[in-house]
Each structure stands twice: as C-alpha cells, then as structure tokens.
Amino acid sequence: MTVQQRRERDRAKRQELIVRTARELAEAEGWDAVTTRRLSERIEYSQPVLYSHFANKDAIVTAVAEQGIVELSAAIKTARRKHVERYDLLRAVAVAYLDFAAANPALYEAMFTLDVGLRFAQPDSPPALREAFAQLAATFDTLVEDPAEVGTFTEVAWAALHGLATLTRAGRLSDGHHDARIDLLITRLLA
C-alpha cells in the first residue's frame, strides 16, 4: 500500500466516523444537538479536521441522509424480492418503508424533512436517490397501465407512505390502527 493509498483510506475512515457520530448523536438527542464543536469533541479531532471533510453541518447531514437513502433502498429491494403476488408485495414494501422510518427517526428526518438540498427525480440527482426511487417505481409499475404515469403514481404512493410515517412519528394518528391504515392504502393503490 502506498502512502497516498494509506492517506486516502485514513481520510475515508475519518469521514465515515464523522457521519456515524453525527447520526448517533442525532438519533440520541436530535439534529439541533449536532454541532461541529460537539462532533469534533466526540470524534477527538479538531474542528479544522472536520471542516477538511465537510464544508459545514448541512454537508454532514446531507452525507447522513444519502447513507440513509441507500439503506432504505436496500430495505425496499429486500422486501420486493420476497413476494410475487401484488398485494403481498405492496404490503411488504409499505411495512419495510414504515418500519425503517420508525426505527430511524432522526435519519428519516434528515432524508426527507430537513432541507439538505437532496432532490429526487432530477437529472443531476445522486445515484443513491435515483436507485431508491427506482426501487419504489419497480414496486408500483405493475399497477399503472400507461408507462408514462409510473413516475407520478410512484410519487403519489410514496407521498402516502411518507405521510403515514410522519404523522405516526408525530403521534397525530389514532392508536391501534397501524395495520388497518396499511391495508387500506394497499387496497386503494390496487383499485
């Protein structure tokens, strides 16, 4: 291993440490608790070292969000592979999506609530975003007769899942109806 390769490896490890620490801190205390000062204390590197990896806190949150999008995409892909029948497929994807959001509230917030500049369905969207949307679209494409409508249908179905995730997390939905809401959503999507 060359000196340059070692430096690149060490730099990648520091960057991953920063992202992981930001994510852990956000899940424990919320995104307001994530500051460059606290991160530098936790990772035991100076703030200038942190700034050599990320321009600011928003850039760190963006990196965390992109990591989360990769994980959510993998969860959807796994759920899709387990089922062939449409109802079971849609339910498995919905459950995977909602379970991911519930298990990772701060991560989900970074991915879809905080304005970190990540935009889906744009020509310059990062590959991870395009892949995540493609996983959702592959879930819903058999429900749409006109291939030109797959993207729009996917956005509407995704918005419904996001609404359920967000309202559930905020405690705004009645208790005891989680499964019924999922079943109703799937029934309507299949109609």
N, C-alpha and C. Protein backbone atom coordinates (compact mmCIF):
# COMPACT_ATOMS: atom_id res chain seq x y z
N MET A 1 0.85 -1.17 0.00
CA MET A 1 0.00 0.00 0.00
C MET A 1 0.90 1.24 0.00
N THR A 2 0.60 2.13 -0.90
CA THR A 2 1.39 3.36 -1.00
C THR A 2 0.98 4.34 0.10
N VAL A 3 1.80 5.32 0.31
CA VAL A 3 1.49 6.36 1.29
C VAL A 3 0.20 7.07 0.91
N GLN A 4 0.03 7.34 -0.37
CA GLN A 4 -1.19 8.02 -0.84
C GLN A 4 -2.44 7.16 -0.59
N GLN A 5 -2.33 5.86 -0.84
CA GLN A 5 -3.46 4.96 -0.60
C GLN A 5 -3.81 4.92 0.89
N ARG A 6 -2.78 4.91 1.73
CA ARG A 6 -2.99 4.89 3.18
C ARG A 6 -3.69 6.18 3.62
N ARG A 7 -3.25 7.31 3.08
CA ARG A 7 -3.88 8.59 3.42
C ARG A 7 -5.34 8.62 3.00
N GLU A 8 -5.62 8.11 1.79
CA GLU A 8 -7.00 8.07 1.30
C GLU A 8 -7.85 7.15 2.17
N ARG A 9 -7.30 6.02 2.56
CA ARG A 9 -8.03 5.10 3.44
C ARG A 9 -8.32 5.75 4.79
N ASP A 10 -7.32 6.41 5.37
CA ASP A 10 -7.49 7.07 6.66
C ASP A 10 -8.52 8.21 6.56
N ARG A 11 -8.47 8.93 5.44
CA ARG A 11 -9.42 10.01 5.23
C ARG A 11 -10.84 9.46 5.13
N ALA A 12 -11.02 8.38 4.41
CA ALA A 12 -12.34 7.75 4.28
C ALA A 12 -12.84 7.26 5.64
N LYS A 13 -11.95 6.71 6.44
CA LYS A 13 -12.34 6.24 7.78
C LYS A 13 -12.77 7.41 8.66
N ARG A 14 -12.03 8.53 8.60
CA ARG A 14 -12.42 9.72 9.38
C ARG A 14 -13.78 10.24 8.93
N GLN A 15 -13.98 10.28 7.62
CA GLN A 15 -15.26 10.77 7.09
C GLN A 15 -16.40 9.87 7.56
N GLU A 16 -16.22 8.56 7.50
CA GLU A 16 -17.24 7.63 7.97
C GLU A 16 -17.48 7.81 9.48
N LEU A 17 -16.43 8.05 10.24
CA LEU A 17 -16.57 8.29 11.68
C LEU A 17 -17.40 9.54 11.94
N ILE A 18 -17.17 10.58 11.19
CA ILE A 18 -17.93 11.82 11.34
C ILE A 18 -19.41 11.57 11.05
N VAL A 19 -19.69 10.90 9.95
CA VAL A 19 -21.07 10.61 9.56
C VAL A 19 -21.75 9.72 10.60
N ARG A 20 -21.08 8.66 11.01
CA ARG A 20 -21.65 7.75 12.00
C ARG A 20 -21.91 8.45 13.33
N THR A 21 -20.97 9.29 13.76
CA THR A 21 -21.13 10.00 15.02
C THR A 21 -22.26 11.02 14.95
N ALA A 22 -22.38 11.72 13.82
CA ALA A 22 -23.48 12.67 13.64
C ALA A 22 -24.82 11.94 13.71
N ARG A 23 -24.88 10.82 13.06
CA ARG A 23 -26.12 10.03 13.04
C ARG A 23 -26.48 9.55 14.44
N GLU A 24 -25.51 9.03 15.16
CA GLU A 24 -25.75 8.54 16.52
C GLU A 24 -26.19 9.68 17.44
N LEU A 25 -25.54 10.81 17.33
CA LEU A 25 -25.89 11.96 18.16
C LEU A 25 -27.30 12.45 17.82
N ALA A 26 -27.63 12.51 16.55
CA ALA A 26 -28.96 12.95 16.14
C ALA A 26 -30.03 11.99 16.63
N GLU A 27 -29.79 10.69 16.52
CA GLU A 27 -30.78 9.71 16.99
C GLU A 27 -30.96 9.81 18.51
N ALA A 28 -29.90 10.13 19.22
CA ALA A 28 -29.98 10.22 20.69
C ALA A 28 -30.58 11.54 21.17
N GLU A 29 -30.22 12.65 20.49
CA GLU A 29 -30.59 13.96 21.02
C GLU A 29 -31.26 14.89 20.02
N GLY A 30 -31.39 14.48 18.77
CA GLY A 30 -32.00 15.34 17.75
C GLY A 30 -30.95 16.12 16.99
N TRP A 31 -31.35 16.63 15.82
CA TRP A 31 -30.39 17.32 14.95
C TRP A 31 -29.89 18.64 15.51
N ASP A 32 -30.65 19.28 16.38
CA ASP A 32 -30.16 20.52 16.99
C ASP A 32 -28.93 20.27 17.85
N ALA A 33 -28.79 19.07 18.37
CA ALA A 33 -27.64 18.72 19.20
C ALA A 33 -26.38 18.46 18.38
N VAL A 34 -26.53 18.29 17.09
CA VAL A 34 -25.38 18.00 16.23
C VAL A 34 -24.76 19.32 15.80
N THR A 35 -23.62 19.61 16.39
CA THR A 35 -22.85 20.79 16.03
C THR A 35 -21.44 20.34 15.68
N THR A 36 -20.74 21.17 14.92
CA THR A 36 -19.37 20.79 14.58
C THR A 36 -18.50 20.72 15.83
N ARG A 37 -18.77 21.56 16.80
CA ARG A 37 -18.00 21.51 18.05
C ARG A 37 -18.22 20.18 18.76
N ARG A 38 -19.46 19.78 18.92
CA ARG A 38 -19.74 18.51 19.61
C ARG A 38 -19.19 17.32 18.83
N LEU A 39 -19.32 17.37 17.51
CA LEU A 39 -18.77 16.28 16.69
C LEU A 39 -17.26 16.19 16.84
N SER A 40 -16.59 17.33 16.79
CA SER A 40 -15.13 17.30 16.91
C SER A 40 -14.71 16.77 18.27
N GLU A 41 -15.46 17.10 19.32
CA GLU A 41 -15.16 16.55 20.65
C GLU A 41 -15.37 15.04 20.69
N ARG A 42 -16.46 14.59 20.11
CA ARG A 42 -16.77 13.15 20.14
C ARG A 42 -15.83 12.31 19.31
N ILE A 43 -15.42 12.81 18.18
CA ILE A 43 -14.53 12.01 17.33
C ILE A 43 -13.06 12.24 17.67
N GLU A 44 -12.81 13.23 18.56
CA GLU A 44 -11.47 13.55 19.04
C GLU A 44 -10.54 14.01 17.92
N TYR A 45 -11.12 14.82 17.03
CA TYR A 45 -10.35 15.53 16.02
C TYR A 45 -10.74 16.99 16.11
N SER A 46 -9.86 17.87 15.71
CA SER A 46 -10.15 19.30 15.78
C SER A 46 -11.22 19.68 14.76
N GLN A 47 -11.83 20.83 14.99
CA GLN A 47 -12.84 21.31 14.04
C GLN A 47 -12.23 21.52 12.64
N PRO A 48 -10.99 22.03 12.53
CA PRO A 48 -10.42 22.14 11.18
C PRO A 48 -10.32 20.80 10.44
N VAL A 49 -10.05 19.73 11.17
CA VAL A 49 -10.03 18.41 10.53
C VAL A 49 -11.43 18.07 10.04
N LEU A 50 -12.43 18.34 10.86
CA LEU A 50 -13.81 18.08 10.47
C LEU A 50 -14.16 18.90 9.21
N TYR A 51 -13.75 20.17 9.20
CA TYR A 51 -14.03 21.02 8.05
C TYR A 51 -13.22 20.63 6.81
N SER A 52 -12.16 19.86 6.99
CA SER A 52 -11.42 19.38 5.82
C SER A 52 -12.20 18.28 5.10
N HIS A 53 -13.18 17.70 5.78
CA HIS A 53 -14.03 16.66 5.20
C HIS A 53 -15.38 17.19 4.74
N PHE A 54 -15.94 18.12 5.49
CA PHE A 54 -17.28 18.66 5.21
C PHE A 54 -17.25 20.18 5.38
N ALA A 55 -17.90 20.87 4.47
CA ALA A 55 -17.90 22.34 4.50
C ALA A 55 -18.63 22.89 5.72
N ASN A 56 -19.68 22.19 6.16
CA ASN A 56 -20.48 22.68 7.28
C ASN A 56 -21.39 21.56 7.77
N LYS A 57 -22.22 21.90 8.75
CA LYS A 57 -23.14 20.90 9.31
C LYS A 57 -24.09 20.38 8.24
N ASP A 58 -24.59 21.25 7.38
CA ASP A 58 -25.51 20.80 6.33
C ASP A 58 -24.89 19.72 5.45
N ALA A 59 -23.62 19.86 5.16
CA ALA A 59 -22.94 18.85 4.34
C ALA A 59 -22.85 17.51 5.08
N ILE A 60 -22.69 17.56 6.38
CA ILE A 60 -22.67 16.34 7.19
C ILE A 60 -24.05 15.69 7.19
N VAL A 61 -25.08 16.51 7.39
CA VAL A 61 -26.45 15.99 7.39
C VAL A 61 -26.78 15.39 6.02
N THR A 62 -26.33 16.03 4.96
CA THR A 62 -26.54 15.51 3.62
C THR A 62 -25.89 14.14 3.46
N ALA A 63 -24.68 13.98 3.97
CA ALA A 63 -23.99 12.68 3.90
C ALA A 63 -24.75 11.63 4.69
N VAL A 64 -25.26 12.01 5.85
CA VAL A 64 -26.06 11.08 6.65
C VAL A 64 -27.32 10.69 5.88
N ALA A 65 -27.98 11.68 5.29
CA ALA A 65 -29.21 11.43 4.53
C ALA A 65 -28.95 10.50 3.35
N GLU A 66 -27.88 10.73 2.63
CA GLU A 66 -27.56 9.85 1.49
C GLU A 66 -27.31 8.42 1.96
N GLN A 67 -26.63 8.28 3.09
CA GLN A 67 -26.40 6.95 3.65
C GLN A 67 -27.73 6.29 3.99
N GLY A 68 -28.64 7.05 4.58
CA GLY A 68 -29.96 6.52 4.91
C GLY A 68 -30.75 6.12 3.68
N ILE A 69 -30.64 6.90 2.63
CA ILE A 69 -31.36 6.58 1.40
C ILE A 69 -30.86 5.26 0.82
N VAL A 70 -29.56 5.02 0.90
CA VAL A 70 -29.01 3.74 0.44
C VAL A 70 -29.59 2.60 1.29
N GLU A 71 -29.68 2.80 2.59
CA GLU A 71 -30.22 1.76 3.47
C GLU A 71 -31.71 1.52 3.21
N LEU A 72 -32.47 2.59 3.02
CA LEU A 72 -33.89 2.43 2.73
C LEU A 72 -34.10 1.72 1.40
N SER A 73 -33.32 2.09 0.41
CA SER A 73 -33.40 1.44 -0.89
C SER A 73 -33.15 -0.06 -0.76
N ALA A 74 -32.16 -0.43 0.04
CA ALA A 74 -31.85 -1.85 0.25
C ALA A 74 -33.01 -2.56 0.96
N ALA A 75 -33.63 -1.88 1.92
CA ALA A 75 -34.77 -2.48 2.64
C ALA A 75 -35.94 -2.71 1.69
N ILE A 76 -36.19 -1.75 0.81
CA ILE A 76 -37.28 -1.90 -0.17
C ILE A 76 -36.95 -3.03 -1.14
N LYS A 77 -35.72 -3.07 -1.59
CA LYS A 77 -35.31 -4.13 -2.53
C LYS A 77 -35.47 -5.51 -1.90
N THR A 78 -35.08 -5.64 -0.65
CA THR A 78 -35.23 -6.91 0.06
C THR A 78 -36.70 -7.28 0.19
N ALA A 79 -37.54 -6.33 0.53
CA ALA A 79 -38.98 -6.59 0.66
C ALA A 79 -39.57 -7.00 -0.68
N ARG A 80 -39.13 -6.37 -1.75
CA ARG A 80 -39.64 -6.68 -3.09
C ARG A 80 -39.28 -8.11 -3.51
N ARG A 81 -38.11 -8.55 -3.14
CA ARG A 81 -37.64 -9.87 -3.56
C ARG A 81 -38.39 -11.02 -2.88
N LYS A 82 -39.05 -10.73 -1.78
CA LYS A 82 -39.70 -11.80 -1.01
C LYS A 82 -41.09 -12.14 -1.51
N HIS A 83 -41.68 -11.30 -2.37
CA HIS A 83 -43.07 -11.51 -2.75
C HIS A 83 -43.29 -11.33 -4.25
N VAL A 84 -44.21 -12.10 -4.77
CA VAL A 84 -44.57 -12.01 -6.18
C VAL A 84 -45.99 -11.45 -6.30
N GLU A 85 -46.91 -11.95 -5.48
CA GLU A 85 -48.31 -11.53 -5.54
C GLU A 85 -48.39 -10.04 -5.17
N ARG A 86 -49.17 -9.28 -5.94
CA ARG A 86 -49.16 -7.82 -5.83
C ARG A 86 -49.51 -7.31 -4.43
N TYR A 87 -50.57 -7.83 -3.83
CA TYR A 87 -50.96 -7.34 -2.51
C TYR A 87 -49.83 -7.56 -1.50
N ASP A 88 -49.30 -8.77 -1.46
CA ASP A 88 -48.22 -9.08 -0.52
C ASP A 88 -46.97 -8.24 -0.80
N LEU A 89 -46.69 -8.03 -2.09
CA LEU A 89 -45.54 -7.21 -2.47
C LEU A 89 -45.71 -5.78 -1.97
N LEU A 90 -46.86 -5.18 -2.25
CA LEU A 90 -47.10 -3.80 -1.82
C LEU A 90 -47.08 -3.69 -0.30
N ARG A 91 -47.67 -4.66 0.37
CA ARG A 91 -47.70 -4.62 1.83
C ARG A 91 -46.29 -4.75 2.41
N ALA A 92 -45.51 -5.66 1.85
CA ALA A 92 -44.14 -5.84 2.33
C ALA A 92 -43.31 -4.57 2.15
N VAL A 93 -43.45 -3.91 1.02
CA VAL A 93 -42.72 -2.67 0.78
C VAL A 93 -43.20 -1.57 1.72
N ALA A 94 -44.51 -1.46 1.89
CA ALA A 94 -45.05 -0.44 2.80
C ALA A 94 -44.55 -0.67 4.23
N VAL A 95 -44.59 -1.91 4.67
CA VAL A 95 -44.12 -2.24 6.02
C VAL A 95 -42.62 -1.95 6.15
N ALA A 96 -41.84 -2.33 5.14
CA ALA A 96 -40.40 -2.07 5.19
C ALA A 96 -40.13 -0.56 5.28
N TYR A 97 -40.85 0.21 4.49
CA TYR A 97 -40.68 1.67 4.49
C TYR A 97 -41.04 2.25 5.86
N LEU A 98 -42.22 1.89 6.36
CA LEU A 98 -42.69 2.45 7.63
C LEU A 98 -41.86 1.97 8.81
N ASP A 99 -41.42 0.72 8.77
CA ASP A 99 -40.54 0.21 9.84
C ASP A 99 -39.21 0.94 9.83
N PHE A 100 -38.67 1.20 8.65
CA PHE A 100 -37.41 1.94 8.54
C PHE A 100 -37.58 3.33 9.15
N ALA A 101 -38.65 4.01 8.79
CA ALA A 101 -38.88 5.36 9.32
C ALA A 101 -39.03 5.35 10.83
N ALA A 102 -39.74 4.36 11.36
CA ALA A 102 -39.95 4.27 12.81
C ALA A 102 -38.67 3.93 13.56
N ALA A 103 -37.84 3.09 12.98
CA ALA A 103 -36.61 2.66 13.64
C ALA A 103 -35.50 3.70 13.58
N ASN A 104 -35.60 4.63 12.64
CA ASN A 104 -34.54 5.62 12.42
C ASN A 104 -35.13 7.03 12.30
N PRO A 105 -35.74 7.54 13.36
CA PRO A 105 -36.46 8.81 13.21
C PRO A 105 -35.58 9.99 12.82
N ALA A 106 -34.42 10.13 13.40
CA ALA A 106 -33.55 11.26 13.04
C ALA A 106 -32.99 11.09 11.63
N LEU A 107 -32.65 9.87 11.29
CA LEU A 107 -32.16 9.59 9.95
C LEU A 107 -33.25 9.90 8.92
N TYR A 108 -34.47 9.45 9.18
CA TYR A 108 -35.58 9.71 8.27
C TYR A 108 -35.83 11.21 8.14
N GLU A 109 -35.71 11.92 9.24
CA GLU A 109 -35.86 13.37 9.21
C GLU A 109 -34.82 14.01 8.31
N ALA A 110 -33.58 13.56 8.41
CA ALA A 110 -32.52 14.09 7.55
C ALA A 110 -32.80 13.78 6.08
N MET A 111 -33.32 12.60 5.83
CA MET A 111 -33.56 12.16 4.46
C MET A 111 -34.69 12.94 3.79
N PHE A 112 -35.78 13.20 4.54
CA PHE A 112 -36.99 13.68 3.90
C PHE A 112 -37.63 14.93 4.50
N THR A 113 -37.13 15.40 5.62
CA THR A 113 -37.75 16.57 6.22
C THR A 113 -36.82 17.77 6.22
N LEU A 114 -35.59 17.57 6.64
CA LEU A 114 -34.63 18.68 6.66
C LEU A 114 -34.26 19.06 5.23
N ASP A 115 -34.10 20.34 5.00
CA ASP A 115 -33.74 20.80 3.66
C ASP A 115 -32.22 20.77 3.52
N VAL A 116 -31.74 19.66 3.01
CA VAL A 116 -30.29 19.49 2.82
C VAL A 116 -29.91 19.52 1.35
N GLY A 117 -30.88 19.87 0.51
CA GLY A 117 -30.58 20.04 -0.91
C GLY A 117 -30.68 18.78 -1.75
N LEU A 118 -31.09 17.68 -1.16
CA LEU A 118 -31.24 16.44 -1.94
C LEU A 118 -32.57 16.48 -2.67
N ARG A 119 -32.52 16.31 -3.97
CA ARG A 119 -33.73 16.35 -4.79
C ARG A 119 -33.84 15.06 -5.60
N PHE A 120 -34.97 14.40 -5.46
CA PHE A 120 -35.26 13.21 -6.25
C PHE A 120 -35.75 13.65 -7.61
N ALA A 121 -35.72 12.73 -8.56
CA ALA A 121 -36.32 12.91 -9.89
C ALA A 121 -35.76 14.12 -10.63
N GLN A 122 -34.51 14.40 -10.43
CA GLN A 122 -33.84 15.45 -11.18
C GLN A 122 -32.72 14.81 -12.00
N PRO A 123 -32.37 15.39 -13.14
CA PRO A 123 -31.30 14.80 -13.95
C PRO A 123 -29.97 14.68 -13.19
N ASP A 124 -29.73 15.59 -12.25
CA ASP A 124 -28.47 15.57 -11.51
C ASP A 124 -28.60 14.96 -10.11
N SER A 125 -29.71 14.25 -9.86
CA SER A 125 -29.87 13.60 -8.57
C SER A 125 -28.75 12.59 -8.36
N PRO A 126 -28.24 12.50 -7.13
CA PRO A 126 -27.19 11.50 -6.86
C PRO A 126 -27.69 10.09 -7.18
N PRO A 127 -26.79 9.20 -7.57
CA PRO A 127 -27.19 7.82 -7.92
C PRO A 127 -28.01 7.13 -6.82
N ALA A 128 -27.68 7.37 -5.56
CA ALA A 128 -28.43 6.71 -4.48
C ALA A 128 -29.90 7.11 -4.50
N LEU A 129 -30.19 8.36 -4.81
CA LEU A 129 -31.57 8.82 -4.88
C LEU A 129 -32.29 8.21 -6.08
N ARG A 130 -31.61 8.16 -7.20
CA ARG A 130 -32.21 7.56 -8.39
C ARG A 130 -32.51 6.08 -8.14
N GLU A 131 -31.60 5.37 -7.48
CA GLU A 131 -31.80 3.95 -7.18
C GLU A 131 -32.97 3.75 -6.22
N ALA A 132 -33.08 4.57 -5.19
CA ALA A 132 -34.18 4.44 -4.24
C ALA A 132 -35.52 4.67 -4.94
N PHE A 133 -35.58 5.70 -5.77
CA PHE A 133 -36.82 5.95 -6.50
C PHE A 133 -37.12 4.81 -7.45
N ALA A 134 -36.10 4.26 -8.08
CA ALA A 134 -36.29 3.13 -9.00
C ALA A 134 -36.85 1.92 -8.25
N GLN A 135 -36.41 1.70 -7.02
CA GLN A 135 -36.94 0.59 -6.23
C GLN A 135 -38.43 0.79 -5.94
N LEU A 136 -38.80 2.02 -5.60
CA LEU A 136 -40.22 2.31 -5.39
C LEU A 136 -41.00 2.16 -6.69
N ALA A 137 -40.47 2.71 -7.77
CA ALA A 137 -41.16 2.63 -9.06
C ALA A 137 -41.34 1.18 -9.49
N ALA A 138 -40.36 0.35 -9.25
CA ALA A 138 -40.47 -1.07 -9.61
C ALA A 138 -41.56 -1.76 -8.79
N THR A 139 -41.83 -1.24 -7.62
CA THR A 139 -42.90 -1.77 -6.79
C THR A 139 -44.27 -1.45 -7.38
N PHE A 140 -44.41 -0.23 -7.89
CA PHE A 140 -45.72 0.25 -8.32
C PHE A 140 -45.97 0.16 -9.82
N ASP A 141 -44.96 -0.16 -10.60
CA ASP A 141 -45.13 -0.09 -12.06
C ASP A 141 -46.19 -1.04 -12.61
N THR A 142 -46.42 -2.16 -11.95
CA THR A 142 -47.43 -3.09 -12.45
C THR A 142 -48.86 -2.61 -12.20
N LEU A 143 -49.00 -1.54 -11.41
CA LEU A 143 -50.33 -1.03 -11.09
C LEU A 143 -50.80 0.03 -12.07
N VAL A 144 -49.91 0.43 -12.97
CA VAL A 144 -50.21 1.54 -13.86
C VAL A 144 -50.26 1.03 -15.30
N GLU A 145 -51.33 1.35 -15.99
CA GLU A 145 -51.48 0.91 -17.38
C GLU A 145 -50.58 1.69 -18.33
N ASP A 146 -50.49 2.99 -18.13
CA ASP A 146 -49.69 3.86 -19.01
C ASP A 146 -48.29 4.02 -18.42
N PRO A 147 -47.27 3.48 -19.08
CA PRO A 147 -45.90 3.59 -18.55
C PRO A 147 -45.46 5.03 -18.26
N ALA A 148 -46.05 5.99 -18.96
CA ALA A 148 -45.70 7.39 -18.74
C ALA A 148 -46.16 7.88 -17.37
N GLU A 149 -47.09 7.15 -16.74
CA GLU A 149 -47.63 7.57 -15.44
C GLU A 149 -46.94 6.89 -14.25
N VAL A 150 -46.00 6.00 -14.50
CA VAL A 150 -45.35 5.27 -13.41
C VAL A 150 -44.69 6.22 -12.42
N GLY A 151 -43.97 7.21 -12.92
CA GLY A 151 -43.28 8.15 -12.04
C GLY A 151 -44.25 8.92 -11.16
N THR A 152 -45.32 9.42 -11.75
CA THR A 152 -46.31 10.18 -10.98
C THR A 152 -47.03 9.29 -9.98
N PHE A 153 -47.40 8.08 -10.40
CA PHE A 153 -48.06 7.15 -9.48
C PHE A 153 -47.13 6.82 -8.31
N THR A 154 -45.86 6.60 -8.62
CA THR A 154 -44.88 6.31 -7.57
C THR A 154 -44.78 7.47 -6.59
N GLU A 155 -44.73 8.68 -7.11
CA GLU A 155 -44.65 9.86 -6.23
C GLU A 155 -45.87 9.95 -5.30
N VAL A 156 -47.06 9.66 -5.82
CA VAL A 156 -48.27 9.73 -5.01
C VAL A 156 -48.26 8.62 -3.94
N ALA A 157 -47.90 7.41 -4.34
CA ALA A 157 -47.83 6.31 -3.37
C ALA A 157 -46.77 6.58 -2.31
N TRP A 158 -45.64 7.10 -2.73
CA TRP A 158 -44.56 7.45 -1.81
C TRP A 158 -45.03 8.54 -0.85
N ALA A 159 -45.74 9.53 -1.37
CA ALA A 159 -46.26 10.61 -0.52
C ALA A 159 -47.19 10.05 0.55
N ALA A 160 -47.99 9.06 0.18
CA ALA A 160 -48.88 8.44 1.16
C ALA A 160 -48.07 7.73 2.25
N LEU A 161 -47.04 6.99 1.85
CA LEU A 161 -46.19 6.32 2.83
C LEU A 161 -45.48 7.33 3.72
N HIS A 162 -44.97 8.39 3.11
CA HIS A 162 -44.29 9.43 3.88
C HIS A 162 -45.26 10.09 4.86
N GLY A 163 -46.47 10.34 4.41
CA GLY A 163 -47.47 10.93 5.31
C GLY A 163 -47.76 10.03 6.49
N LEU A 164 -47.93 8.74 6.23
CA LEU A 164 -48.15 7.80 7.32
C LEU A 164 -46.97 7.77 8.28
N ALA A 165 -45.77 7.74 7.73
CA ALA A 165 -44.57 7.71 8.58
C ALA A 165 -44.46 8.97 9.43
N THR A 166 -44.67 10.11 8.82
CA THR A 166 -44.50 11.38 9.51
C THR A 166 -45.59 11.60 10.56
N LEU A 167 -46.83 11.33 10.19
CA LEU A 167 -47.93 11.53 11.14
C LEU A 167 -47.89 10.52 12.28
N THR A 168 -47.45 9.31 12.00
CA THR A 168 -47.30 8.31 13.07
C THR A 168 -46.22 8.75 14.04
N ARG A 169 -45.10 9.17 13.51
CA ARG A 169 -43.99 9.61 14.36
C ARG A 169 -44.39 10.79 15.24
N ALA A 170 -45.19 11.68 14.70
CA ALA A 170 -45.61 12.86 15.44
C ALA A 170 -46.76 12.56 16.41
N GLY A 171 -47.26 11.33 16.42
CA GLY A 171 -48.35 10.97 17.31
C GLY A 171 -49.68 11.58 16.91
N ARG A 172 -49.83 11.86 15.63
CA ARG A 172 -51.04 12.54 15.16
C ARG A 172 -52.12 11.59 14.67
N LEU A 173 -51.83 10.30 14.63
CA LEU A 173 -52.82 9.32 14.17
C LEU A 173 -53.31 8.51 15.36
N SER A 174 -54.53 8.00 15.26
CA SER A 174 -55.11 7.23 16.37
C SER A 174 -54.32 5.95 16.60
N ASP A 175 -54.28 5.55 17.84
CA ASP A 175 -53.56 4.33 18.23
C ASP A 175 -54.33 3.09 17.77
N GLY A 176 -53.59 2.04 17.50
CA GLY A 176 -54.19 0.75 17.24
C GLY A 176 -54.70 0.52 15.83
N HIS A 177 -54.40 1.44 14.90
CA HIS A 177 -54.92 1.27 13.54
C HIS A 177 -53.81 1.21 12.49
N HIS A 178 -52.60 0.97 12.93
CA HIS A 178 -51.46 0.97 12.01
C HIS A 178 -51.66 -0.03 10.86
N ASP A 179 -51.95 -1.27 11.20
CA ASP A 179 -52.13 -2.30 10.16
C ASP A 179 -53.33 -2.00 9.27
N ALA A 180 -54.40 -1.49 9.86
CA ALA A 180 -55.59 -1.16 9.07
C ALA A 180 -55.28 -0.05 8.07
N ARG A 181 -54.47 0.93 8.47
CA ARG A 181 -54.09 2.00 7.54
C ARG A 181 -53.28 1.45 6.38
N ILE A 182 -52.35 0.55 6.68
CA ILE A 182 -51.54 -0.06 5.61
C ILE A 182 -52.45 -0.85 4.67
N ASP A 183 -53.33 -1.66 5.23
CA ASP A 183 -54.22 -2.46 4.38
C ASP A 183 -55.11 -1.58 3.52
N LEU A 184 -55.64 -0.50 4.08
CA LEU A 184 -56.48 0.41 3.31
C LEU A 184 -55.69 1.07 2.19
N LEU A 185 -54.47 1.50 2.48
CA LEU A 185 -53.63 2.11 1.45
C LEU A 185 -53.38 1.12 0.31
N ILE A 186 -53.03 -0.11 0.65
CA ILE A 186 -52.73 -1.11 -0.38
C ILE A 186 -53.99 -1.39 -1.21
N THR A 187 -55.12 -1.53 -0.55
CA THR A 187 -56.38 -1.78 -1.27
C THR A 187 -56.67 -0.64 -2.25
N ARG A 188 -56.47 0.59 -1.82
CA ARG A 188 -56.74 1.74 -2.70
C ARG A 188 -55.73 1.79 -3.84
N LEU A 189 -54.49 1.49 -3.58
CA LEU A 189 -53.49 1.50 -4.65
C LEU A 189 -53.80 0.44 -5.70
N LEU A 190 -54.34 -0.67 -5.26
CA LEU A 190 -54.66 -1.75 -6.19
C LEU A 190 -55.95 -1.52 -6.97
N ALA A 191 -56.78 -0.60 -6.48
CA ALA A 191 -58.09 -0.35 -7.12
C ALA A 191 -57.94 0.23 -8.51
